């Protein structure tokens, strides 16, 4: 999880929201207000409009690499 000062969310970024649990996805960005609409990934679908400063980017590349490596390892 990363929270760089210069993070600008992009549509489809995996994020977390301060004060909540779980993974969210950015569905829209309003650069004029520095806000983003984020949606839950499970039902019920809940959409929040939040300031960028409340978001933390989830870098899932290490997990994806580990999953692929484990799936392709010879057993």
N, C-alpha and C. Protein backbone atom coordinates (compact mmCIF):
# COMPACT_ATOMS: atom_id res chain seq x y z
N UNK A 1 0.86 -1.17 0.00
CA UNK A 1 0.00 0.00 0.00
C UNK A 1 0.91 1.23 0.00
N UNK A 2 0.58 2.16 -0.87
CA UNK A 2 1.40 3.36 -0.97
C UNK A 2 0.51 4.59 -0.90
N UNK A 3 1.03 5.63 -0.27
CA UNK A 3 0.28 6.87 -0.19
C UNK A 3 1.23 8.02 -0.49
N UNK A 4 1.70 8.09 -1.74
CA UNK A 4 2.60 9.19 -2.08
C UNK A 4 1.84 10.51 -2.12
N UNK A 5 2.54 11.59 -1.81
CA UNK A 5 1.91 12.92 -1.78
C UNK A 5 1.42 13.33 -3.17
N UNK A 6 2.05 12.83 -4.21
CA UNK A 6 1.70 13.26 -5.56
C UNK A 6 0.79 12.26 -6.28
N UNK A 7 0.22 11.30 -5.58
CA UNK A 7 -0.63 10.29 -6.22
C UNK A 7 -1.88 10.93 -6.81
N UNK A 8 -2.08 10.69 -8.10
CA UNK A 8 -3.30 11.11 -8.78
C UNK A 8 -3.99 9.83 -9.23
N UNK A 9 -5.18 9.55 -8.70
CA UNK A 9 -5.84 8.29 -9.05
C UNK A 9 -6.24 8.25 -10.52
N UNK A 10 -6.25 7.04 -11.05
CA UNK A 10 -6.69 6.81 -12.42
C UNK A 10 -7.82 5.78 -12.38
N UNK A 11 -8.69 5.84 -13.37
CA UNK A 11 -9.80 4.89 -13.46
C UNK A 11 -9.22 3.47 -13.47
N UNK A 12 -9.82 2.61 -12.70
CA UNK A 12 -9.46 1.20 -12.52
C UNK A 12 -8.30 0.98 -11.57
N UNK A 13 -7.77 2.01 -10.91
CA UNK A 13 -6.75 1.83 -9.89
C UNK A 13 -7.35 1.11 -8.68
N UNK A 14 -6.65 0.12 -8.14
CA UNK A 14 -7.08 -0.49 -6.88
C UNK A 14 -6.63 0.41 -5.72
N UNK A 15 -7.54 0.74 -4.83
CA UNK A 15 -7.21 1.65 -3.72
C UNK A 15 -7.89 1.18 -2.43
N UNK A 16 -7.45 1.78 -1.33
CA UNK A 16 -8.18 1.65 -0.07
C UNK A 16 -8.56 3.06 0.35
N UNK A 17 -9.56 3.14 1.20
CA UNK A 17 -10.08 4.41 1.67
C UNK A 17 -9.86 4.50 3.16
N UNK A 18 -9.30 5.61 3.59
CA UNK A 18 -9.06 5.85 5.01
C UNK A 18 -10.33 5.60 5.81
N UNK A 19 -10.24 4.80 6.86
CA UNK A 19 -11.39 4.56 7.73
C UNK A 19 -12.29 3.43 7.29
N UNK A 20 -11.96 2.75 6.20
CA UNK A 20 -12.76 1.60 5.75
C UNK A 20 -11.84 0.41 5.54
N UNK A 21 -12.45 -0.76 5.44
CA UNK A 21 -11.70 -1.97 5.16
C UNK A 21 -12.08 -2.47 3.78
N UNK A 22 -11.15 -3.12 3.14
CA UNK A 22 -11.44 -3.72 1.85
C UNK A 22 -10.85 -2.95 0.69
N UNK A 23 -10.93 -3.60 -0.44
CA UNK A 23 -10.36 -3.07 -1.68
C UNK A 23 -11.44 -2.33 -2.44
N UNK A 24 -11.07 -1.20 -3.02
CA UNK A 24 -11.98 -0.41 -3.83
C UNK A 24 -11.34 -0.18 -5.19
N UNK A 25 -12.16 0.19 -6.17
CA UNK A 25 -11.69 0.49 -7.52
C UNK A 25 -12.11 1.91 -7.87
N UNK A 26 -11.20 2.69 -8.44
CA UNK A 26 -11.54 4.04 -8.89
C UNK A 26 -12.38 3.92 -10.16
N UNK A 27 -13.57 4.56 -10.15
CA UNK A 27 -14.45 4.50 -11.32
C UNK A 27 -14.55 5.83 -12.05
N UNK A 28 -14.14 6.92 -11.41
CA UNK A 28 -14.18 8.24 -12.05
C UNK A 28 -13.27 9.18 -11.27
N UNK A 29 -12.69 10.15 -11.96
CA UNK A 29 -11.80 11.12 -11.33
C UNK A 29 -12.24 12.52 -11.74
N UNK A 30 -12.33 13.42 -10.77
CA UNK A 30 -12.64 14.83 -11.03
C UNK A 30 -11.41 15.66 -10.63
N UNK A 31 -10.58 15.97 -11.62
CA UNK A 31 -9.32 16.68 -11.35
C UNK A 31 -9.55 18.11 -10.90
N UNK A 32 -10.69 18.70 -11.24
CA UNK A 32 -10.95 20.08 -10.83
C UNK A 32 -11.22 20.19 -9.34
N UNK A 33 -11.75 19.13 -8.75
CA UNK A 33 -12.06 19.12 -7.31
C UNK A 33 -11.13 18.22 -6.51
N UNK A 34 -10.18 17.55 -7.19
CA UNK A 34 -9.29 16.58 -6.55
C UNK A 34 -10.08 15.51 -5.80
N UNK A 35 -11.13 15.01 -6.46
CA UNK A 35 -11.94 13.94 -5.88
C UNK A 35 -12.00 12.76 -6.84
N UNK A 36 -12.36 11.62 -6.30
CA UNK A 36 -12.53 10.42 -7.11
C UNK A 36 -13.77 9.68 -6.63
N UNK A 37 -14.44 9.03 -7.57
CA UNK A 37 -15.53 8.10 -7.21
C UNK A 37 -14.90 6.73 -7.14
N UNK A 38 -15.09 6.07 -6.01
CA UNK A 38 -14.55 4.72 -5.82
C UNK A 38 -15.69 3.77 -5.50
N UNK A 39 -15.56 2.55 -5.96
CA UNK A 39 -16.62 1.56 -5.81
C UNK A 39 -16.08 0.32 -5.12
N UNK A 40 -16.94 -0.32 -4.33
CA UNK A 40 -16.57 -1.60 -3.72
C UNK A 40 -16.46 -2.64 -4.83
N UNK A 41 -15.74 -3.71 -4.55
CA UNK A 41 -15.57 -4.77 -5.55
C UNK A 41 -16.49 -5.96 -5.29
N UNK A 42 -17.25 -5.90 -4.21
CA UNK A 42 -18.17 -6.98 -3.90
C UNK A 42 -19.56 -6.40 -3.64
N UNK A 43 -20.54 -7.27 -3.67
CA UNK A 43 -21.91 -6.81 -3.43
C UNK A 43 -22.14 -6.62 -1.95
N UNK A 44 -22.94 -5.69 -1.53
CA UNK A 44 -23.60 -4.70 -2.39
C UNK A 44 -22.58 -3.67 -2.86
N UNK A 45 -22.76 -3.21 -4.09
CA UNK A 45 -21.87 -2.20 -4.66
C UNK A 45 -22.16 -0.86 -3.99
N UNK A 46 -21.13 -0.27 -3.43
CA UNK A 46 -21.25 1.04 -2.77
C UNK A 46 -20.25 1.97 -3.43
N UNK A 47 -20.70 3.17 -3.78
CA UNK A 47 -19.83 4.15 -4.41
C UNK A 47 -19.63 5.32 -3.46
N UNK A 48 -18.38 5.73 -3.29
CA UNK A 48 -18.03 6.86 -2.45
C UNK A 48 -17.39 7.93 -3.33
N UNK A 49 -17.65 9.19 -3.03
CA UNK A 49 -16.92 10.29 -3.66
C UNK A 49 -16.01 10.85 -2.58
N UNK A 50 -14.70 10.77 -2.81
CA UNK A 50 -13.73 11.12 -1.77
C UNK A 50 -12.61 11.99 -2.31
N UNK A 51 -11.95 12.72 -1.41
CA UNK A 51 -10.77 13.49 -1.77
C UNK A 51 -9.61 12.53 -2.01
N UNK A 52 -8.72 12.92 -2.91
CA UNK A 52 -7.57 12.08 -3.20
C UNK A 52 -6.74 11.81 -1.97
N UNK A 53 -6.67 12.76 -1.06
CA UNK A 53 -5.83 12.60 0.12
C UNK A 53 -6.31 11.47 1.04
N UNK A 54 -7.54 11.02 0.87
CA UNK A 54 -8.09 9.94 1.69
C UNK A 54 -7.82 8.56 1.10
N UNK A 55 -7.23 8.52 -0.11
CA UNK A 55 -7.00 7.26 -0.81
C UNK A 55 -5.56 6.79 -0.65
N UNK A 56 -5.39 5.49 -0.62
CA UNK A 56 -4.07 4.86 -0.68
C UNK A 56 -4.08 3.88 -1.84
N UNK A 57 -3.07 3.96 -2.68
CA UNK A 57 -2.95 3.11 -3.85
C UNK A 57 -2.50 1.72 -3.43
N UNK A 58 -3.15 0.70 -3.95
CA UNK A 58 -2.75 -0.68 -3.68
C UNK A 58 -1.91 -1.17 -4.85
N UNK A 59 -0.64 -1.37 -4.63
CA UNK A 59 0.23 -1.88 -5.67
C UNK A 59 0.13 -3.40 -5.63
N UNK A 60 -0.62 -3.96 -6.55
CA UNK A 60 -0.87 -5.41 -6.54
C UNK A 60 0.10 -6.19 -7.41
N UNK A 61 1.07 -5.52 -8.02
CA UNK A 61 2.02 -6.22 -8.88
C UNK A 61 2.80 -7.30 -8.15
N UNK A 62 3.30 -7.06 -6.92
CA UNK A 62 4.02 -8.15 -6.23
C UNK A 62 3.13 -9.37 -6.00
N UNK A 63 1.88 -9.16 -5.64
CA UNK A 63 0.97 -10.29 -5.44
C UNK A 63 0.70 -11.02 -6.74
N UNK A 64 0.49 -10.27 -7.81
CA UNK A 64 0.22 -10.90 -9.11
C UNK A 64 1.42 -11.73 -9.54
N UNK A 65 2.62 -11.20 -9.35
CA UNK A 65 3.83 -11.93 -9.72
C UNK A 65 3.96 -13.21 -8.88
N UNK A 66 3.67 -13.12 -7.60
CA UNK A 66 3.76 -14.29 -6.73
C UNK A 66 2.74 -15.35 -7.15
N UNK A 67 1.52 -14.95 -7.47
CA UNK A 67 0.47 -15.88 -7.86
C UNK A 67 0.87 -16.61 -9.15
N UNK A 68 1.38 -15.87 -10.12
CA UNK A 68 1.81 -16.49 -11.39
C UNK A 68 2.96 -17.45 -11.13
N UNK A 69 3.93 -17.02 -10.31
CA UNK A 69 5.09 -17.87 -10.00
C UNK A 69 4.64 -19.16 -9.33
N UNK A 70 3.75 -19.07 -8.34
CA UNK A 70 3.29 -20.26 -7.63
C UNK A 70 2.49 -21.18 -8.55
N UNK A 71 1.72 -20.60 -9.45
CA UNK A 71 0.89 -21.41 -10.36
C UNK A 71 1.73 -22.14 -11.38
N UNK A 72 2.90 -21.58 -11.73
CA UNK A 72 3.71 -22.19 -12.78
C UNK A 72 4.88 -23.01 -12.24
N UNK A 73 5.07 -23.04 -10.93
CA UNK A 73 6.16 -23.83 -10.36
C UNK A 73 5.90 -25.31 -10.55
N UNK A 74 6.96 -26.04 -10.83
CA UNK A 74 6.86 -27.49 -10.94
C UNK A 74 6.73 -28.07 -9.55
N UNK A 75 5.81 -28.96 -9.37
CA UNK A 75 5.60 -29.57 -8.05
C UNK A 75 6.09 -30.99 -8.06
